[in-house]
């Protein structure tokens, strides 16, 4: 991550996921690099890892896509899968379940801590979409 930068690290990660788990992965990006602090880079990478881990564990998806765009406001990340979907109200109620949703709840809190935005939408049998926005301080 430190040597390659966030874009190349994510490309490598998704190639590895595709090879290891036999699931089609696509990374779409409109830039070659993004100036994030080390803390922001690690946080973003770990958050995307957690989202992918959940997809692999629960979604039964055949394809996942990461669409990363940078503009003057910041970095916009859209993660989608074509899996089984889930009831997103579980995220608001994670303490009442046996760990269910805690990983995504933690992702949401991490993104909030760097003044970012996190939204997740999911429909049963239609897949899940996660949107992350990280403002750039330039």
C-alpha atoms as a PDB file:
ATOM      1  CA  UNK A   1       0.000   0.000   0.000  1.00  0.00           C
ATOM      2  CA  UNK A   2       2.777   2.446   0.909  1.00  0.00           C
ATOM      3  CA  UNK A   3       4.885   1.519  -2.110  1.00  0.00           C
ATOM      4  CA  UNK A   4       2.162   1.209  -4.721  1.00  0.00           C
ATOM      5  CA  UNK A   5      -0.416   3.745  -3.578  1.00  0.00           C
ATOM      6  CA  UNK A   6      -4.095   3.102  -2.974  1.00  0.00           C
ATOM      7  CA  UNK A   7      -5.110   2.624  -6.643  1.00  0.00           C
ATOM      8  CA  UNK A   8      -2.506  -0.029  -7.462  1.00  0.00           C
ATOM      9  CA  UNK A   9      -3.012  -1.704  -4.083  1.00  0.00           C
ATOM     10  CA  UNK A  10      -6.761  -2.005  -4.736  1.00  0.00           C
ATOM     11  CA  UNK A  11      -6.159  -3.324  -8.257  1.00  0.00           C
ATOM     12  CA  UNK A  12      -3.804  -5.956  -6.835  1.00  0.00           C
ATOM     13  CA  UNK A  13      -6.289  -6.843  -4.082  1.00  0.00           C
ATOM     14  CA  UNK A  14      -9.181  -7.322  -6.527  1.00  0.00           C
ATOM     15  CA  UNK A  15      -7.014  -9.401  -8.893  1.00  0.00           C
ATOM     16  CA  UNK A  16      -6.118 -11.605  -5.925  1.00  0.00           C
ATOM     17  CA  UNK A  17      -9.785 -11.935  -4.880  1.00  0.00           C
ATOM     18  CA  UNK A  18     -10.755 -12.886  -8.435  1.00  0.00           C
ATOM     19  CA  UNK A  19      -8.043 -15.555  -8.670  1.00  0.00           C
ATOM     20  CA  UNK A  20      -8.462 -16.949  -5.168  1.00  0.00           C
ATOM     21  CA  UNK A  21     -12.269 -16.972  -4.925  1.00  0.00           C
ATOM     22  CA  UNK A  22     -13.223 -17.442  -8.597  1.00  0.00           C
ATOM     23  CA  UNK A  23     -15.484 -14.412  -8.611  1.00  0.00           C
ATOM     24  CA  UNK A  24     -15.398 -11.821 -11.379  1.00  0.00           C
ATOM     25  CA  UNK A  25     -13.935  -8.536 -10.142  1.00  0.00           C
ATOM     26  CA  UNK A  26     -13.813  -5.242 -11.978  1.00  0.00           C
ATOM     27  CA  UNK A  27     -12.071  -2.053 -10.903  1.00  0.00           C
ATOM     28  CA  UNK A  28     -13.055   1.124 -12.737  1.00  0.00           C
ATOM     29  CA  UNK A  29     -11.009   4.214 -11.949  1.00  0.00           C
ATOM     30  CA  UNK A  30     -10.721   7.668 -13.520  1.00  0.00           C
ATOM     31  CA  UNK A  31      -7.276   8.496 -12.032  1.00  0.00           C
ATOM     32  CA  UNK A  32      -3.867   6.872 -11.598  1.00  0.00           C
ATOM     33  CA  UNK A  33      -3.239   8.111  -8.072  1.00  0.00           C
ATOM     34  CA  UNK A  34      -4.952   9.808  -5.166  1.00  0.00           C
ATOM     35  CA  UNK A  35      -3.235  11.885  -2.514  1.00  0.00           C
ATOM     36  CA  UNK A  36      -4.482  10.418   0.734  1.00  0.00           C
ATOM     37  CA  UNK A  37      -2.652  10.499   4.035  1.00  0.00           C
ATOM     38  CA  UNK A  38      -1.224   7.169   5.236  1.00  0.00           C
ATOM     39  CA  UNK A  39      -4.030   6.978   7.788  1.00  0.00           C
ATOM     40  CA  UNK A  40      -6.723   7.601   5.147  1.00  0.00           C
ATOM     41  CA  UNK A  41      -5.140   5.092   2.737  1.00  0.00           C
ATOM     42  CA  UNK A  42      -4.993   2.352   5.364  1.00  0.00           C
ATOM     43  CA  UNK A  43      -8.505   3.119   6.548  1.00  0.00           C
ATOM     44  CA  UNK A  44      -9.936   3.039   3.032  1.00  0.00           C
ATOM     45  CA  UNK A  45      -8.071  -0.155   2.130  1.00  0.00           C
ATOM     46  CA  UNK A  46      -9.219  -1.909   5.315  1.00  0.00           C
ATOM     47  CA  UNK A  47     -12.813  -0.754   4.792  1.00  0.00           C
ATOM     48  CA  UNK A  48     -12.866  -2.131   1.250  1.00  0.00           C
ATOM     49  CA  UNK A  49     -11.317  -5.383   2.505  1.00  0.00           C
ATOM     50  CA  UNK A  50     -14.133  -5.694   5.065  1.00  0.00           C
ATOM     51  CA  UNK A  51     -16.806  -5.040   2.437  1.00  0.00           C
ATOM     52  CA  UNK A  52     -15.270  -7.652   0.114  1.00  0.00           C
ATOM     53  CA  UNK A  53     -14.939 -10.136   2.990  1.00  0.00           C
ATOM     54  CA  UNK A  54     -18.665  -9.762   3.735  1.00  0.00           C
ATOM     55  CA  UNK A  55     -19.516 -10.186   0.062  1.00  0.00           C
ATOM     56  CA  UNK A  56     -17.471 -13.378  -0.169  1.00  0.00           C
ATOM     57  CA  UNK A  57     -18.885 -14.755   3.076  1.00  0.00           C
ATOM     58  CA  UNK A  58     -22.579 -13.947   2.672  1.00  0.00           C
ATOM     59  CA  UNK A  59     -23.590 -12.601  -0.745  1.00  0.00           C
ATOM     60  CA  UNK A  60     -23.123 -15.617  -3.031  1.00  0.00           C
ATOM     61  CA  UNK A  61     -22.233 -13.051  -5.687  1.00  0.00           C
ATOM     62  CA  UNK A  62     -20.790 -13.910  -9.095  1.00  0.00           C
ATOM     63  CA  UNK A  63     -19.439 -10.401  -9.725  1.00  0.00           C
ATOM     64  CA  UNK A  64     -18.197  -7.448  -7.713  1.00  0.00           C
ATOM     65  CA  UNK A  65     -17.317  -4.018  -9.050  1.00  0.00           C
ATOM     66  CA  UNK A  66     -15.357  -1.172  -7.519  1.00  0.00           C
ATOM     67  CA  UNK A  67     -15.886   2.167  -9.235  1.00  0.00           C
ATOM     68  CA  UNK A  68     -13.509   4.819  -7.923  1.00  0.00           C
ATOM     69  CA  UNK A  69     -13.701   8.417  -9.084  1.00  0.00           C
ATOM     70  CA  UNK A  70     -11.889  11.528  -7.943  1.00  0.00           C
ATOM     71  CA  UNK A  71     -13.144  15.054  -8.417  1.00  0.00           C
ATOM     72  CA  UNK A  72     -12.438  18.426  -6.816  1.00  0.00           C
ATOM     73  CA  UNK A  73     -14.504  17.501  -3.742  1.00  0.00           C
ATOM     74  CA  UNK A  74     -12.909  14.164  -2.975  1.00  0.00           C
ATOM     75  CA  UNK A  75     -12.929  10.455  -3.704  1.00  0.00           C
ATOM     76  CA  UNK A  76     -16.173   8.687  -4.578  1.00  0.00           C
ATOM     77  CA  UNK A  77     -16.180   4.902  -4.238  1.00  0.00           C
ATOM     78  CA  UNK A  78     -19.071   2.748  -5.380  1.00  0.00           C
ATOM     79  CA  UNK A  79     -18.865  -0.952  -4.568  1.00  0.00           C
ATOM     80  CA  UNK A  80     -21.535  -3.248  -5.995  1.00  0.00           C
ATOM     81  CA  UNK A  81     -22.203  -6.965  -6.007  1.00  0.00           C
ATOM     82  CA  UNK A  82     -24.862  -9.079  -7.674  1.00  0.00           C
ATOM     83  CA  UNK A  83     -25.423 -11.269  -4.627  1.00  0.00           C
ATOM     84  CA  UNK A  84     -28.415 -12.246  -2.527  1.00  0.00           C
ATOM     85  CA  UNK A  85     -28.711  -8.908  -0.703  1.00  0.00           C
ATOM     86  CA  UNK A  86     -29.714  -8.401   2.919  1.00  0.00           C
ATOM     87  CA  UNK A  87     -31.861  -6.337   5.252  1.00  0.00           C
ATOM     88  CA  UNK A  88     -29.773  -3.201   5.932  1.00  0.00           C
ATOM     89  CA  UNK A  89     -31.767  -2.403   9.092  1.00  0.00           C
ATOM     90  CA  UNK A  90     -29.538  -5.014  10.772  1.00  0.00           C
ATOM     91  CA  UNK A  91     -26.703  -2.479  10.604  1.00  0.00           C
ATOM     92  CA  UNK A  92     -28.559  -0.067  12.863  1.00  0.00           C
ATOM     93  CA  UNK A  93     -29.304  -2.843  15.303  1.00  0.00           C
ATOM     94  CA  UNK A  94     -26.043  -4.785  15.332  1.00  0.00           C
ATOM     95  CA  UNK A  95     -25.919  -5.098  19.170  1.00  0.00           C
ATOM     96  CA  UNK A  96     -29.072  -7.201  19.135  1.00  0.00           C
ATOM     97  CA  UNK A  97     -27.573  -9.850  16.877  1.00  0.00           C
ATOM     98  CA  UNK A  98     -24.730 -12.280  17.342  1.00  0.00           C
ATOM     99  CA  UNK A  99     -22.120 -10.118  15.616  1.00  0.00           C
ATOM    100  CA  UNK A 100     -24.184  -9.752  12.458  1.00  0.00           C
ATOM    101  CA  UNK A 101     -23.439  -6.439  10.779  1.00  0.00           C
ATOM    102  CA  UNK A 102     -20.673  -5.363  13.140  1.00  0.00           C
ATOM    103  CA  UNK A 103     -17.997  -5.297  10.411  1.00  0.00           C
ATOM    104  CA  UNK A 104     -20.040  -2.943   8.240  1.00  0.00           C
ATOM    105  CA  UNK A 105     -20.998  -0.875  11.276  1.00  0.00           C
ATOM    106  CA  UNK A 106     -17.259  -0.487  12.025  1.00  0.00           C
ATOM    107  CA  UNK A 107     -16.621   0.563   8.410  1.00  0.00           C
ATOM    108  CA  UNK A 108     -19.349   3.186   8.713  1.00  0.00           C
ATOM    109  CA  UNK A 109     -17.802   4.560  11.919  1.00  0.00           C
ATOM    110  CA  UNK A 110     -14.281   4.656  10.451  1.00  0.00           C
ATOM    111  CA  UNK A 111     -15.468   6.608   7.420  1.00  0.00           C
ATOM    112  CA  UNK A 112     -17.356   9.058   9.670  1.00  0.00           C
ATOM    113  CA  UNK A 113     -14.170   9.604  11.714  1.00  0.00           C
ATOM    114  CA  UNK A 114     -12.431  11.107   8.671  1.00  0.00           C
ATOM    115  CA  UNK A 115     -15.475  13.259   7.797  1.00  0.00           C
ATOM    116  CA  UNK A 116     -16.490  10.891   5.032  1.00  0.00           C
ATOM    117  CA  UNK A 117     -19.869   9.521   4.041  1.00  0.00           C
ATOM    118  CA  UNK A 118     -20.982   5.892   3.957  1.00  0.00           C
ATOM    119  CA  UNK A 119     -24.266   4.580   2.635  1.00  0.00           C
ATOM    120  CA  UNK A 120     -25.329   1.045   1.904  1.00  0.00           C
ATOM    121  CA  UNK A 121     -28.334  -0.129  -0.049  1.00  0.00           C
ATOM    122  CA  UNK A 122     -29.355  -3.698  -0.632  1.00  0.00           C
ATOM    123  CA  UNK A 123     -32.295  -5.546  -2.064  1.00  0.00           C
ATOM    124  CA  UNK A 124     -33.016  -9.185  -1.461  1.00  0.00           C
ATOM    125  CA  UNK A 125     -31.983 -11.204  -4.549  1.00  0.00           C
ATOM    126  CA  UNK A 126     -30.713  -8.053  -6.297  1.00  0.00           C
ATOM    127  CA  UNK A 127     -27.371  -7.401  -4.604  1.00  0.00           C
ATOM    128  CA  UNK A 128     -25.750  -4.749  -2.495  1.00  0.00           C
ATOM    129  CA  UNK A 129     -24.273  -1.342  -3.207  1.00  0.00           C
ATOM    130  CA  UNK A 130     -21.934   0.552  -0.894  1.00  0.00           C
ATOM    131  CA  UNK A 131     -21.062   4.217  -1.448  1.00  0.00           C
ATOM    132  CA  UNK A 132     -18.106   5.830   0.303  1.00  0.00           C
ATOM    133  CA  UNK A 133     -17.051   9.453  -0.035  1.00  0.00           C
ATOM    134  CA  UNK A 134     -13.785  10.749   1.375  1.00  0.00           C
ATOM    135  CA  UNK A 135     -13.168  14.510   1.172  1.00  0.00           C
ATOM    136  CA  UNK A 136      -9.717  15.549  -0.005  1.00  0.00           C
ATOM    137  CA  UNK A 137      -7.882  18.255   1.890  1.00  0.00           C
ATOM    138  CA  UNK A 138      -6.229  20.095  -1.014  1.00  0.00           C
END
